[in-house]
Each structure stands twice: as structure tokens, then as C-alpha cells.
Amino acid sequence: MVEKRNIQDEYLETLKNEKKEFTVFLTNGFQLRGTLYDYDKYMIDFFSQERHHLIYKHAISTFVEGTQ
């Protein structure tokens, strides 16, 4: 039996463990730059501008790593 990979969780776990800074683009066009503090099935806890932001995953359009 083939085990299913969860690419999203693998990617988020890497961002969390390595404390990489990245930009989150929301579906409404808003952008936040910061680091991933934690996540679960429905939300991410994103640390930006010295605050925690709880963001629903369905509101996220794109993650972009690196400097911009």
C-alpha cells in the first residue's frame, strides 16, 4: 500500500523548524512578512511585526520564501 504524503505539512514543518522568513499573500491581496510559529489542519500562527497572526489556510493564496 502506498503511503500518501502531505506536501503542505512537509513544507510548513520545514518553514517552522528552520525559522525561515517568508511572505504570505492572502486571497484579499494583503501581504505579511514574517516567520511561521505553528500550524494545524485549518490555521497557521504567523509571527509578523512583533505580533502573532492566526490565519485560516483557506484565506492564503501563496507563500514566497526569501527576500523581496
N, C-alpha and C. Protein backbone atom coordinates (compact mmCIF):
# COMPACT_ATOMS: atom_id res chain seq x y z
N MET A 1 0.83 -1.17 0.00
CA MET A 1 0.00 0.00 0.00
C MET A 1 0.89 1.25 0.00
N VAL A 2 0.53 2.21 -0.82
CA VAL A 2 1.30 3.44 -0.96
C VAL A 2 0.86 4.44 0.11
N GLU A 3 1.84 4.96 0.84
CA GLU A 3 1.54 5.95 1.88
C GLU A 3 1.43 7.33 1.23
N LYS A 4 0.34 8.06 1.55
CA LYS A 4 0.14 9.39 0.98
C LYS A 4 0.99 10.41 1.72
N ARG A 5 1.66 11.25 0.96
CA ARG A 5 2.45 12.35 1.51
C ARG A 5 1.55 13.58 1.64
N ASN A 6 1.78 14.35 2.66
CA ASN A 6 1.11 15.63 2.78
C ASN A 6 2.15 16.71 2.53
N ILE A 7 2.22 17.15 1.28
CA ILE A 7 3.24 18.10 0.86
C ILE A 7 3.12 19.41 1.64
N GLN A 8 1.90 19.85 1.87
CA GLN A 8 1.69 21.09 2.61
C GLN A 8 2.29 21.02 4.01
N ASP A 9 2.00 19.95 4.73
CA ASP A 9 2.55 19.80 6.08
C ASP A 9 4.06 19.67 6.08
N GLU A 10 4.62 18.98 5.09
CA GLU A 10 6.08 18.87 4.98
C GLU A 10 6.71 20.25 4.79
N TYR A 11 6.12 21.03 3.91
CA TYR A 11 6.64 22.37 3.63
C TYR A 11 6.52 23.27 4.85
N LEU A 12 5.36 23.26 5.50
CA LEU A 12 5.16 24.09 6.69
C LEU A 12 6.09 23.67 7.83
N GLU A 13 6.30 22.39 7.98
CA GLU A 13 7.19 21.90 9.04
C GLU A 13 8.63 22.39 8.80
N THR A 14 9.06 22.39 7.55
CA THR A 14 10.39 22.90 7.21
C THR A 14 10.50 24.38 7.54
N LEU A 15 9.48 25.16 7.14
CA LEU A 15 9.50 26.59 7.44
C LEU A 15 9.53 26.85 8.94
N LYS A 16 8.78 26.07 9.68
CA LYS A 16 8.71 26.22 11.14
C LYS A 16 10.04 25.86 11.79
N ASN A 17 10.59 24.71 11.46
CA ASN A 17 11.81 24.23 12.10
C ASN A 17 13.03 25.08 11.77
N GLU A 18 13.11 25.56 10.54
CA GLU A 18 14.25 26.36 10.11
C GLU A 18 14.06 27.85 10.37
N LYS A 19 12.87 28.23 10.88
CA LYS A 19 12.55 29.63 11.19
C LYS A 19 12.85 30.55 10.00
N LYS A 20 12.50 30.07 8.82
CA LYS A 20 12.73 30.85 7.62
C LYS A 20 11.71 31.99 7.53
N GLU A 21 12.19 33.14 7.08
CA GLU A 21 11.30 34.27 6.87
C GLU A 21 10.69 34.16 5.47
N PHE A 22 9.40 34.44 5.37
CA PHE A 22 8.72 34.37 4.08
C PHE A 22 7.54 35.33 4.07
N THR A 23 6.96 35.51 2.90
CA THR A 23 5.81 36.38 2.73
C THR A 23 4.57 35.53 2.48
N VAL A 24 3.49 35.87 3.17
CA VAL A 24 2.20 35.22 2.96
C VAL A 24 1.33 36.20 2.18
N PHE A 25 0.81 35.75 1.05
CA PHE A 25 -0.13 36.53 0.26
C PHE A 25 -1.52 35.97 0.53
N LEU A 26 -2.43 36.81 0.98
CA LEU A 26 -3.80 36.38 1.26
C LEU A 26 -4.66 36.56 0.02
N THR A 27 -5.79 35.90 0.00
CA THR A 27 -6.68 35.96 -1.17
C THR A 27 -7.25 37.36 -1.38
N ASN A 28 -7.28 38.19 -0.33
CA ASN A 28 -7.78 39.56 -0.49
C ASN A 28 -6.69 40.53 -0.94
N GLY A 29 -5.48 40.03 -1.20
CA GLY A 29 -4.38 40.85 -1.68
C GLY A 29 -3.44 41.35 -0.59
N PHE A 30 -3.78 41.17 0.66
CA PHE A 30 -2.94 41.61 1.77
C PHE A 30 -1.70 40.73 1.86
N GLN A 31 -0.56 41.31 2.28
CA GLN A 31 0.69 40.58 2.42
C GLN A 31 1.24 40.74 3.84
N LEU A 32 1.81 39.68 4.36
CA LEU A 32 2.51 39.72 5.65
C LEU A 32 3.87 39.06 5.48
N ARG A 33 4.89 39.66 6.06
CA ARG A 33 6.23 39.08 6.02
C ARG A 33 6.63 38.71 7.44
N GLY A 34 7.07 37.47 7.64
CA GLY A 34 7.46 37.03 8.96
C GLY A 34 7.85 35.57 8.98
N THR A 35 7.64 34.92 10.14
CA THR A 35 8.01 33.52 10.31
C THR A 35 6.82 32.71 10.80
N LEU A 36 6.87 31.43 10.56
CA LEU A 36 5.81 30.53 11.00
C LEU A 36 6.09 30.08 12.42
N TYR A 37 5.15 30.33 13.31
CA TYR A 37 5.29 29.93 14.70
C TYR A 37 4.73 28.52 14.91
N ASP A 38 3.55 28.26 14.35
CA ASP A 38 2.94 26.93 14.45
C ASP A 38 1.80 26.83 13.44
N TYR A 39 1.25 25.63 13.28
CA TYR A 39 0.14 25.43 12.35
C TYR A 39 -0.63 24.18 12.76
N ASP A 40 -1.85 24.08 12.25
CA ASP A 40 -2.63 22.86 12.41
C ASP A 40 -3.37 22.61 11.09
N LYS A 41 -4.40 21.82 11.15
CA LYS A 41 -5.12 21.43 9.94
C LYS A 41 -5.81 22.62 9.25
N TYR A 42 -6.22 23.62 10.03
CA TYR A 42 -7.02 24.72 9.48
C TYR A 42 -6.35 26.09 9.49
N MET A 43 -5.38 26.30 10.39
CA MET A 43 -4.83 27.63 10.58
C MET A 43 -3.31 27.60 10.69
N ILE A 44 -2.71 28.79 10.48
CA ILE A 44 -1.30 28.97 10.79
C ILE A 44 -1.19 30.09 11.82
N ASP A 45 -0.20 29.99 12.69
CA ASP A 45 0.14 31.04 13.64
C ASP A 45 1.39 31.70 13.07
N PHE A 46 1.20 32.87 12.49
CA PHE A 46 2.25 33.57 11.76
C PHE A 46 2.74 34.74 12.60
N PHE A 47 4.05 34.83 12.82
CA PHE A 47 4.64 35.90 13.63
C PHE A 47 5.20 36.97 12.70
N SER A 48 4.59 38.16 12.76
CA SER A 48 4.98 39.26 11.90
C SER A 48 4.78 40.57 12.65
N GLN A 49 5.71 41.50 12.49
CA GLN A 49 5.64 42.82 13.11
C GLN A 49 5.45 42.71 14.62
N GLU A 50 6.18 41.75 15.23
CA GLU A 50 6.17 41.51 16.67
C GLU A 50 4.79 41.14 17.23
N ARG A 51 3.97 40.51 16.38
CA ARG A 51 2.65 40.04 16.78
C ARG A 51 2.38 38.68 16.16
N HIS A 52 1.53 37.92 16.84
CA HIS A 52 1.06 36.65 16.28
C HIS A 52 -0.22 36.91 15.50
N HIS A 53 -0.29 36.34 14.31
CA HIS A 53 -1.48 36.46 13.46
C HIS A 53 -1.99 35.04 13.22
N LEU A 54 -3.23 34.77 13.59
CA LEU A 54 -3.85 33.49 13.27
C LEU A 54 -4.55 33.64 11.93
N ILE A 55 -4.09 32.87 10.96
CA ILE A 55 -4.61 32.99 9.59
C ILE A 55 -5.20 31.65 9.18
N TYR A 56 -6.44 31.67 8.72
CA TYR A 56 -7.05 30.46 8.17
C TYR A 56 -6.35 30.09 6.87
N LYS A 57 -6.05 28.82 6.70
CA LYS A 57 -5.35 28.36 5.49
C LYS A 57 -6.14 28.66 4.23
N HIS A 58 -7.48 28.60 4.31
CA HIS A 58 -8.27 28.85 3.09
C HIS A 58 -8.18 30.31 2.64
N ALA A 59 -7.67 31.21 3.50
CA ALA A 59 -7.51 32.62 3.15
C ALA A 59 -6.14 32.91 2.53
N ILE A 60 -5.27 31.89 2.47
CA ILE A 60 -3.91 32.09 1.93
C ILE A 60 -3.89 31.74 0.46
N SER A 61 -3.29 32.64 -0.31
CA SER A 61 -3.13 32.40 -1.74
C SER A 61 -1.78 31.75 -2.01
N THR A 62 -0.70 32.35 -1.46
CA THR A 62 0.65 31.92 -1.80
C THR A 62 1.62 32.18 -0.65
N PHE A 63 2.65 31.33 -0.53
CA PHE A 63 3.81 31.58 0.32
C PHE A 63 4.98 31.85 -0.61
N VAL A 64 5.81 32.85 -0.27
CA VAL A 64 7.01 33.11 -1.04
C VAL A 64 8.18 33.23 -0.08
N GLU A 65 9.17 32.36 -0.23
CA GLU A 65 10.37 32.40 0.61
C GLU A 65 11.37 33.40 0.05
N GLY A 66 12.27 33.83 0.92
CA GLY A 66 13.37 34.69 0.50
C GLY A 66 13.05 36.15 0.64
N THR A 67 14.00 36.98 0.22
CA THR A 67 13.85 38.42 0.35
C THR A 67 13.18 38.99 -0.88
N GLN A 68 12.40 40.04 -0.63
CA GLN A 68 11.73 40.73 -1.74
C GLN A 68 11.81 42.21 -1.56
